[in-house]
Each structure stands twice: as C-alpha cells, then as structure tokens.
Amino acid sequence: MAKKHEHTRTANGYTYKSYRKQATYRGQTFRPEAKNSTDWEAKFEDFKRLVDSDFRGSNPDMRVHELADLFNDEARANKKPKTIEVREMVLRLYVVPHIGHLKLRELKSQDVEAVFDAAKAVSVSILEQTKKVTNRMFTFAIENEYVLKENPISKGLSKRVTAFITSSRKTTEQDAIGLGLEQINYILMDVKGQLHEILFHSQILHGLRISEALALRWEDVDLERDELKVVRQVDGVSKGKLEGTKWAGQTGPTITSPKTERSRRRIPLQQGTKALLELTPVKERHGYIYSTANGTPVSYSNYLRRVFDPLKHRVGLAAHIHTHDLRKFFGSYLLAQEGVDVMTVSKWMGHATPAITMEVYAKVIPETERQQRFLIGQALLR
C-alpha cells in the first residue's frame, strides 16, 4: 500500500525518493513531502498537534484537561527527558483527576488548592513538583492566550504552600544526618580497586552529581592541566516515556546537556583521582570512563541496584543516605575549611548562585570531627 505514495525524481545524476500522501484533519488539508511512510506519520502527528492547538486556543470553553494535553505536547517537543517525565506524572496523577473537567474560565484558587492538598498527602517533594508544574502550566496558558488572563493560583495560596515546603525541608534536614568523615573513609576504602571507584572520586572529591559522573568521557579529563570538565549528564528517564520525542532512538541511557548553564564547569582534578585515571593504559582512554561492556554509559537505575545499594549495606549506611549525600559532603567539607570562599565552592558545584550553596550545603562538620580530620586523599593511598 505504501508504494502507492512513493515517488522518485532524478536531478544532477542522483535519484531521490520521497513519500507523498494527502490527509484531512479538522477540515484542514495535509500533504507534505516525506522520506517514507514512517516520516510521514511523524509529520502528520505534528500537524494534528498544531491544528489541535489552534482549535483549543480559540475555544472559550477549553477545559483543564485540554490545556494539560497542550502543555504535555510542548514538553515532549522542547524539554529534557526529566522535565517530560515530571510534567506528565504531575498532570496525570494530580491535576487532571481533580480539576481536569473544569473550564479554564471558571477555575478558582480553591480548585487548585485541592490539587495541592492531594500532592501534599503523598510527600513534600511531590507537592513541590506539583506547585511548579501547575504554576508553569497556567503561565503557559496566559502566554499562548488560552482563555486565562491571570494565574488562578492566588498569592495567598502560593505563599502558604511555599512556607509549608520550606518548613518541612528544615525539619527533614535536622532529622536526617548526612555523611561524616569516618563514613566517607569507609566508603573510599570499600570501593578501592573497583571499576566504579572513579564514580565515588567524582562525587566525593569533585562534587559531581551522579548523573554527571556517569556521563564522564575521557576527553573531559585533562591530565596535563589537572582539570575535570562537566559538559553532559545521564538522564534517568525510561525509554518508553520518550517515544515521539527527539530523545527517542538513542542507544543506552539518554544523554543530555547539564542541569543548568552554570552546571557546565571546570573543576581542579585531585591528585588521588589523577593517579587512579593514569592506571588506565593510554590506548584504552576513549569513550565513557565508566561504561557497560558495549561502551554505553551505565544507567542510574543499574548503578543504584548493582553498586550503591550493595555498598550501603556493606558499609552500614542509614537507609536515607542517597548518592547526592556524597556531593553534599564535598560542598559541606570545603565550606568548613579556612580559606575556601563560597564563590569558589559554588562554581565548582555548578550552582546557579552562591546563595544556593550556602542554603543547601553549609552544614558545618561537627567540631570533634574537624579536629581529627585528615585529608580525604590519604584514604585513597591505604
């Protein structure tokens, strides 16, 4: 059947094949030139989304679930995998079930409050994500002139939710003790000589996010200048959720640019890490530094299951300890040292502003531990 729409033409001695087929959607004609039937179907889906957008945008009775569809489409076309995943989750589980049936022009702040209450009942982090996604969705509607003239989330509701999140965070941080020097020493001794040792160096001695550490390639390391470069990250979103996006089709975990522009950075390479890297023969220094047998980066889920969770059990770490606590230790430890300024720490950690560094990482190491501290690098030489 597909051959019916296949065409060939010759120009300058070359033969070009194309696929042409006409279709109608909502009264509008679609007849593009595509490479093949698969390419045509993809273009037709884009065409339908565009027509739907115009149709809904001109509809004064647009409902929240229709806006949610448009907002999801915008993410799948332009955003990173993690944004796509979080946005889809929030809209599917919290927004649409509670207010999806409501017309935008009838939406009130108390309606949105019901969405926040549902998210709050699950966890503080879910509430925070829901507030961000919902607020951005209404801003998206206003920018695209989809019925709304102003954000239905009142300033009072926004302040109450923000205050609750902030208060809950402080309580959680007080209850959850991070990693101390003794635990870090145990971790470094446990991973010594293992293939994944470089990942722990990257987080503990250089402050990388685990997503950045998993994406390190040999060209990111300058052994002559003693410098480490962060230019990409491994995204933890499953392939099935990326069908129909520009991220579909990659082999192995999805690779994206860093979290923010400030996350692109250069960090001094610690000597213990340099010595570890130099153990790899020169002819093998290509591709990802820590990879699968096929040369692709290791996914975050595999790393947790095969490396980090077993390590937590062996070393005796508390259940709440996460990979991010290794990075937190790096920031907290540096800020506890004399002569290390917050601007430098913020730059090395890739934070948007030094204020973020102080708010999140300025957890001063207990004085008793500071007095008996030793250079972290010494643990690597045991």
Protein backbone atom coordinates (compact mmCIF):
# COMPACT_ATOMS: atom_id res chain seq x y z
CA MET A 1 0.00 0.00 0.00
CA ALA A 2 2.89 2.31 0.83
CA LYS A 3 4.28 2.03 -2.73
CA LYS A 4 1.20 3.88 -3.98
CA HIS A 5 2.53 7.06 -2.41
CA GLU A 6 6.22 6.59 -3.23
CA HIS A 7 7.78 8.90 -5.84
CA THR A 8 11.20 9.19 -7.43
CA ARG A 9 12.91 12.03 -9.27
CA THR A 10 16.34 12.44 -10.82
CA ALA A 11 18.47 15.58 -10.62
CA ASN A 12 22.17 16.13 -11.29
CA GLY A 13 22.65 12.42 -11.81
CA TYR A 14 21.12 11.47 -8.45
CA THR A 15 17.82 9.69 -7.83
CA TYR A 16 15.73 10.96 -4.94
CA LYS A 17 12.88 9.04 -3.33
CA SER A 18 10.01 10.67 -1.47
CA TYR A 19 6.67 9.76 0.06
CA ARG A 20 3.57 11.85 -0.62
CA LYS A 21 0.13 11.32 0.80
CA GLN A 22 -2.79 13.65 1.39
CA ALA A 23 -4.93 13.63 4.53
CA THR A 24 -7.53 15.87 6.15
CA TYR A 25 -7.80 16.71 9.84
CA ARG A 26 -10.40 19.03 11.37
CA GLY A 27 -11.15 20.34 7.87
CA GLN A 28 -7.51 21.20 7.08
CA THR A 29 -5.55 19.51 4.29
CA PHE A 30 -2.18 17.93 4.96
CA ARG A 31 0.10 16.94 2.05
CA PRO A 32 3.79 17.11 2.96
CA GLU A 33 6.77 15.55 1.23
CA ALA A 34 8.34 12.92 3.48
CA LYS A 35 11.20 10.44 3.25
CA ASN A 36 8.99 7.40 3.84
CA SER A 37 5.71 6.33 5.45
CA THR A 38 7.19 6.46 8.97
CA ASP A 39 8.43 10.01 8.40
CA TRP A 40 5.01 10.96 7.01
CA GLU A 41 3.21 9.59 10.08
CA ALA A 42 5.50 11.56 12.39
CA LYS A 43 4.87 14.77 10.42
CA PHE A 44 1.13 14.11 10.44
CA GLU A 45 1.15 13.79 14.23
CA ASP A 46 2.94 17.16 14.46
CA PHE A 47 0.35 18.64 12.09
CA LYS A 48 -2.53 17.33 14.22
CA ARG A 49 -1.00 18.78 17.38
CA LEU A 50 -0.67 22.17 15.67
CA VAL A 51 -4.28 22.09 14.47
CA ASP A 52 -5.49 20.97 17.89
CA SER A 53 -3.58 23.83 19.48
CA ASP A 54 -5.28 26.39 17.23
CA PHE A 55 -8.66 24.74 17.73
CA ARG A 56 -8.44 24.64 21.50
CA GLY A 57 -6.90 28.08 21.75
CA SER A 58 -9.91 29.60 20.03
CA ASN A 59 -12.32 27.64 22.24
CA PRO A 60 -13.65 29.77 25.14
CA ASP A 61 -14.90 26.59 26.82
CA MET A 62 -11.46 24.97 26.95
CA ARG A 63 -11.12 22.67 29.95
CA VAL A 64 -8.09 22.00 32.12
CA HIS A 65 -7.50 18.50 30.69
CA GLU A 66 -7.24 20.04 27.19
CA LEU A 67 -4.72 22.59 28.44
CA ALA A 68 -2.80 19.76 30.12
CA ASP A 69 -2.57 17.93 26.77
CA LEU A 70 -1.13 21.03 25.08
CA PHE A 71 1.26 21.60 27.96
CA ASN A 72 2.47 17.99 27.73
CA ASP A 73 2.94 18.31 23.96
CA GLU A 74 5.08 21.40 24.50
CA ALA A 75 7.35 19.46 26.86
CA ARG A 76 7.69 16.49 24.52
CA ALA A 77 8.70 18.82 21.70
CA ASN A 78 11.14 21.07 23.54
CA LYS A 79 12.11 19.87 27.01
CA LYS A 80 14.62 17.47 28.54
CA PRO A 81 13.54 13.92 29.46
CA LYS A 82 13.30 14.61 33.20
CA THR A 83 11.02 17.60 32.60
CA ILE A 84 8.84 15.48 30.32
CA GLU A 85 8.58 12.73 32.96
CA VAL A 86 7.80 15.02 35.92
CA ARG A 87 5.30 17.11 33.98
CA GLU A 88 3.45 14.03 32.71
CA MET A 89 3.36 12.49 36.19
CA VAL A 90 2.00 15.60 37.91
CA LEU A 91 -0.67 16.23 35.29
CA ARG A 92 -1.79 12.59 35.15
CA LEU A 93 -1.90 11.89 38.89
CA TYR A 94 -2.85 15.21 40.46
CA VAL A 95 -4.03 17.92 38.07
CA VAL A 96 -6.36 16.09 35.65
CA PRO A 97 -8.10 13.84 38.25
CA HIS A 98 -9.01 16.84 40.44
CA ILE A 99 -9.63 19.75 38.07
CA GLY A 100 -9.34 18.31 34.56
CA HIS A 101 -13.10 18.56 33.99
CA LEU A 102 -13.29 22.27 34.88
CA LYS A 103 -13.42 25.06 32.31
CA LEU A 104 -10.47 27.43 32.46
CA ARG A 105 -12.69 30.50 32.66
CA GLU A 106 -14.40 29.07 35.75
CA LEU A 107 -11.23 27.99 37.57
CA LYS A 108 -10.67 29.39 41.09
CA SER A 109 -7.80 29.29 43.53
CA GLN A 110 -9.64 26.88 45.85
CA ASP A 111 -9.92 24.42 42.96
CA VAL A 112 -6.14 24.42 42.57
CA GLU A 113 -5.76 24.09 46.34
CA ALA A 114 -7.45 20.68 46.09
CA VAL A 115 -4.67 19.62 43.69
CA PHE A 116 -2.01 20.77 46.16
CA ASP A 117 -3.73 19.00 49.06
CA ALA A 118 -3.69 15.71 47.14
CA ALA A 119 0.03 16.10 46.37
CA LYS A 120 0.77 17.16 49.97
CA ALA A 121 -0.80 13.92 51.25
CA VAL A 122 1.87 11.96 49.32
CA SER A 123 5.07 13.86 50.13
CA VAL A 124 6.64 17.30 50.34
CA SER A 125 8.72 16.68 47.22
CA ILE A 126 5.59 15.75 45.23
CA LEU A 127 3.86 18.90 46.49
CA GLU A 128 6.83 21.00 45.39
CA GLN A 129 6.85 19.42 41.93
CA THR A 130 3.09 19.83 41.61
CA LYS A 131 3.24 23.51 42.54
CA LYS A 132 5.97 24.17 39.97
CA VAL A 133 4.27 22.26 37.15
CA THR A 134 0.81 23.70 37.83
CA ASN A 135 2.08 27.25 38.04
CA ARG A 136 4.05 26.82 34.82
CA MET A 137 1.01 25.33 33.06
CA PHE A 138 -1.13 28.36 33.86
CA THR A 139 1.68 30.69 32.78
CA PHE A 140 1.87 28.70 29.53
CA ALA A 141 -1.87 29.25 29.03
CA ILE A 142 -1.57 33.00 29.56
CA GLU A 143 1.44 33.31 27.23
CA ASN A 144 -0.41 31.43 24.47
CA GLU A 145 -3.72 33.24 25.09
CA TYR A 146 -5.59 30.08 26.06
CA VAL A 147 -8.58 31.73 27.79
CA LEU A 148 -6.77 32.67 31.02
CA LYS A 149 -5.89 36.31 31.63
CA GLU A 150 -4.28 35.75 35.03
CA ASN A 151 -2.93 32.85 37.08
CA PRO A 152 -5.71 31.24 39.15
CA ILE A 153 -3.20 30.40 41.90
CA SER A 154 -3.69 33.25 44.37
CA LYS A 155 -0.68 34.89 46.03
CA GLY A 156 -2.00 33.74 49.39
CA LEU A 157 -2.17 30.09 48.33
CA SER A 158 1.27 30.27 46.74
CA LYS A 159 2.79 31.74 49.92
CA ARG A 160 1.13 29.14 52.17
CA VAL A 161 2.39 26.24 50.06
CA THR A 162 5.90 27.69 49.83
CA ALA A 163 6.01 28.23 53.61
CA PHE A 164 4.93 24.64 54.23
CA ILE A 165 7.58 23.27 51.88
CA THR A 166 10.31 25.40 53.47
CA SER A 167 9.30 24.41 57.00
CA SER A 168 9.13 20.72 56.12
CA ARG A 169 12.54 20.84 54.48
CA LYS A 170 14.15 22.30 57.59
CA THR A 171 12.61 19.60 59.77
CA THR A 172 13.75 16.86 57.39
CA GLU A 173 17.28 18.24 57.23
CA GLN A 174 17.51 18.34 61.02
CA ASP A 175 16.31 14.74 61.32
CA ALA A 176 18.42 13.31 58.50
CA ILE A 177 22.12 13.34 59.38
CA GLY A 178 24.42 13.32 56.36
CA LEU A 179 27.78 11.64 55.90
CA GLY A 180 30.73 12.30 58.20
CA LEU A 181 34.43 11.88 57.57
CA GLU A 182 34.57 8.44 59.13
CA GLN A 183 31.81 7.15 56.86
CA ILE A 184 33.43 8.73 53.81
CA ASN A 185 36.67 6.98 54.73
CA TYR A 186 34.87 3.62 54.94
CA ILE A 187 33.26 4.23 51.54
CA LEU A 188 36.55 5.09 49.85
CA MET A 189 38.25 2.04 51.32
CA ASP A 190 35.36 -0.20 50.24
CA VAL A 191 35.46 0.91 46.59
CA LYS A 192 39.26 1.00 46.30
CA GLY A 193 40.41 -1.01 43.30
CA GLN A 194 36.89 -1.42 41.90
CA LEU A 195 35.87 -0.26 38.41
CA HIS A 196 33.31 2.10 39.93
CA GLU A 197 35.87 3.76 42.23
CA ILE A 198 36.10 6.67 39.78
CA LEU A 199 32.42 7.49 40.32
CA PHE A 200 32.94 7.91 44.05
CA HIS A 201 36.01 10.06 43.41
CA SER A 202 33.92 12.23 41.10
CA GLN A 203 31.27 12.85 43.74
CA ILE A 204 33.28 12.95 46.98
CA LEU A 205 36.40 14.75 45.72
CA HIS A 206 34.91 16.87 42.92
CA GLY A 207 31.26 17.43 43.84
CA LEU A 208 29.69 16.00 40.69
CA ARG A 209 26.06 14.94 40.55
CA ILE A 210 25.83 11.20 39.92
CA SER A 211 24.18 11.94 36.57
CA GLU A 212 27.28 13.96 35.61
CA ALA A 213 29.71 11.34 36.91
CA LEU A 214 28.05 8.57 34.88
CA ALA A 215 28.39 10.70 31.72
CA LEU A 216 32.12 11.48 32.06
CA ARG A 217 34.19 10.73 28.97
CA TRP A 218 37.95 10.58 28.65
CA GLU A 219 38.02 13.81 26.62
CA ASP A 220 36.55 15.55 29.68
CA VAL A 221 39.76 14.91 31.64
CA ASP A 222 42.91 16.98 31.13
CA LEU A 223 45.71 15.14 32.91
CA GLU A 224 48.26 17.79 31.94
CA ARG A 225 46.30 20.73 33.35
CA ASP A 226 44.85 18.68 36.23
CA GLU A 227 41.33 19.62 35.24
CA LEU A 228 37.94 17.90 35.02
CA LYS A 229 35.25 19.21 32.66
CA VAL A 230 31.46 18.73 33.11
CA VAL A 231 29.54 19.06 29.83
CA ARG A 232 26.79 16.38 29.87
CA GLN A 233 24.68 14.14 32.09
CA VAL A 234 22.91 10.78 32.02
CA ASP A 235 19.15 11.18 32.28
CA GLY A 236 17.31 8.58 34.33
CA VAL A 237 14.04 8.62 32.38
CA SER A 238 12.97 5.27 30.90
CA LYS A 239 12.97 4.91 27.10
CA GLY A 240 9.27 4.08 26.98
CA LYS A 241 8.37 7.56 28.20
CA LEU A 242 10.37 9.24 25.44
CA GLU A 243 8.62 7.77 22.39
CA GLY A 244 7.73 10.53 19.97
CA THR A 245 10.34 12.94 21.34
CA LYS A 246 13.73 13.97 19.97
CA TRP A 247 15.34 11.80 22.67
CA ALA A 248 13.90 8.55 21.29
CA GLY A 249 16.27 6.23 19.45
CA GLN A 250 19.45 6.74 21.49
CA THR A 251 21.42 3.62 22.36
CA GLY A 252 21.79 3.17 26.10
CA PRO A 253 20.72 5.78 28.65
CA THR A 254 19.65 9.18 27.35
CA ILE A 255 22.45 11.78 27.34
CA THR A 256 21.51 15.45 27.73
CA SER A 257 23.24 18.72 28.48
CA PRO A 258 23.88 19.52 32.18
CA LYS A 259 21.12 20.61 34.55
CA THR A 260 21.77 24.36 34.03
CA GLU A 261 24.24 26.52 32.13
CA ARG A 262 26.21 27.06 35.37
CA SER A 263 26.46 23.27 35.64
CA ARG A 264 28.87 23.40 32.69
CA ARG A 265 32.09 23.85 34.57
CA ARG A 266 35.76 23.00 35.08
CA ILE A 267 36.96 21.55 38.38
CA PRO A 268 40.53 21.05 39.67
CA LEU A 269 41.48 17.38 39.33
CA GLN A 270 42.56 15.90 42.67
CA GLN A 271 45.88 14.08 42.63
CA GLY A 272 44.44 10.84 44.01
CA THR A 273 41.91 10.82 41.18
CA LYS A 274 44.58 11.63 38.62
CA ALA A 275 46.67 8.69 39.83
CA LEU A 276 43.62 6.44 39.55
CA LEU A 277 42.90 7.55 35.98
CA GLU A 278 46.52 7.11 34.94
CA LEU A 279 46.26 3.40 35.76
CA THR A 280 44.25 3.01 32.55
CA PRO A 281 46.52 2.35 29.54
CA VAL A 282 46.67 5.27 27.10
CA LYS A 283 45.25 3.19 24.24
CA GLU A 284 42.12 2.49 26.32
CA ARG A 285 41.44 6.13 27.19
CA HIS A 286 38.47 6.74 24.93
CA GLY A 287 34.69 6.81 25.25
CA TYR A 288 32.98 6.81 28.63
CA ILE A 289 35.24 6.43 31.64
CA TYR A 290 32.76 4.11 33.37
CA SER A 291 30.70 2.15 30.87
CA THR A 292 28.93 -1.09 30.03
CA ALA A 293 30.59 -3.86 28.01
CA ASN A 294 29.04 -2.27 24.91
CA GLY A 295 30.68 1.08 25.62
CA THR A 296 27.45 2.87 26.54
CA PRO A 297 27.12 4.77 29.83
CA VAL A 298 25.69 2.90 32.81
CA SER A 299 22.12 3.90 33.68
CA TYR A 300 21.34 5.44 37.05
CA SER A 301 18.98 2.58 37.99
CA ASN A 302 21.64 -0.04 37.25
CA TYR A 303 24.20 1.91 39.25
CA LEU A 304 21.89 2.04 42.25
CA ARG A 305 20.99 -1.63 42.07
CA ARG A 306 24.44 -3.05 41.39
CA VAL A 307 26.79 -0.60 43.09
CA PHE A 308 25.38 1.97 45.52
CA ASP A 309 22.70 -0.02 47.35
CA PRO A 310 25.01 -3.02 48.00
CA LEU A 311 27.69 -0.59 49.23
CA LYS A 312 25.22 0.99 51.68
CA HIS A 313 24.57 -2.46 53.12
CA ARG A 314 28.27 -3.39 53.37
CA VAL A 315 29.36 -0.11 54.96
CA GLY A 316 26.30 0.16 57.19
CA LEU A 317 24.92 3.47 55.89
CA ALA A 318 21.50 4.66 57.03
CA ALA A 319 18.53 3.99 54.74
CA HIS A 320 18.04 7.70 53.97
CA ILE A 321 21.57 8.14 52.58
CA HIS A 322 21.46 8.87 48.85
CA THR A 323 24.08 9.30 46.13
CA HIS A 324 23.57 13.06 46.43
CA ASP A 325 24.91 12.92 50.00
CA LEU A 326 28.39 12.25 48.56
CA ARG A 327 28.19 15.52 46.64
CA LYS A 328 26.78 17.27 49.71
CA PHE A 329 29.77 16.11 51.73
CA PHE A 330 32.11 17.70 49.19
CA GLY A 331 30.37 21.08 49.49
CA SER A 332 29.99 20.97 53.27
CA TYR A 333 33.56 19.87 53.82
CA LEU A 334 35.01 22.65 51.66
CA LEU A 335 32.88 25.31 53.34
CA ALA A 336 34.15 24.14 56.73
CA GLN A 337 37.77 24.77 55.74
CA GLU A 338 39.55 28.01 56.40
CA GLY A 339 40.41 30.00 53.29
CA VAL A 340 37.83 28.40 50.99
CA ASP A 341 35.30 31.01 49.84
CA VAL A 342 31.69 30.27 48.94
CA MET A 343 32.09 31.70 45.43
CA THR A 344 34.69 29.06 44.60
CA VAL A 345 32.64 26.22 46.07
CA SER A 346 29.53 27.42 44.21
CA LYS A 347 31.45 27.49 40.93
CA TRP A 348 32.90 24.02 41.39
CA MET A 349 29.49 22.57 42.28
CA GLY A 350 27.73 24.24 39.37
CA HIS A 351 25.14 26.11 41.43
CA ALA A 352 23.14 28.93 39.88
CA THR A 353 24.11 31.30 42.72
CA PRO A 354 26.31 31.21 45.86
CA ALA A 355 23.11 31.64 47.90
CA ILE A 356 22.06 28.13 46.90
CA THR A 357 25.41 26.80 48.06
CA MET A 358 25.06 28.42 51.47
CA GLU A 359 21.44 27.35 51.93
CA VAL A 360 21.88 23.71 50.98
CA TYR A 361 25.48 22.79 51.70
CA ALA A 362 26.69 24.95 54.58
CA LYS A 363 26.29 22.15 57.12
CA VAL A 364 29.35 22.67 59.32
CA ILE A 365 31.11 19.43 60.20
CA PRO A 366 30.95 18.83 63.98
CA GLU A 367 33.94 20.29 65.77
CA THR A 368 35.02 16.92 67.13
CA GLU A 369 35.31 15.55 63.62
CA ARG A 370 37.04 18.67 62.35
CA GLN A 371 39.74 18.32 64.97
CA GLN A 372 40.51 14.74 63.94
CA ARG A 373 40.02 15.28 60.22
CA PHE A 374 42.61 14.18 57.72
CA LEU A 375 42.99 14.85 54.04
CA ILE A 376 40.44 12.77 52.18
CA GLY A 377 43.10 11.85 49.66
CA GLN A 378 45.03 9.91 52.31
CA ALA A 379 42.27 7.35 52.43
CA LEU A 380 42.91 6.60 48.79
CA LEU A 381 46.50 5.61 49.45
CA ARG A 382 45.77 2.92 52.04
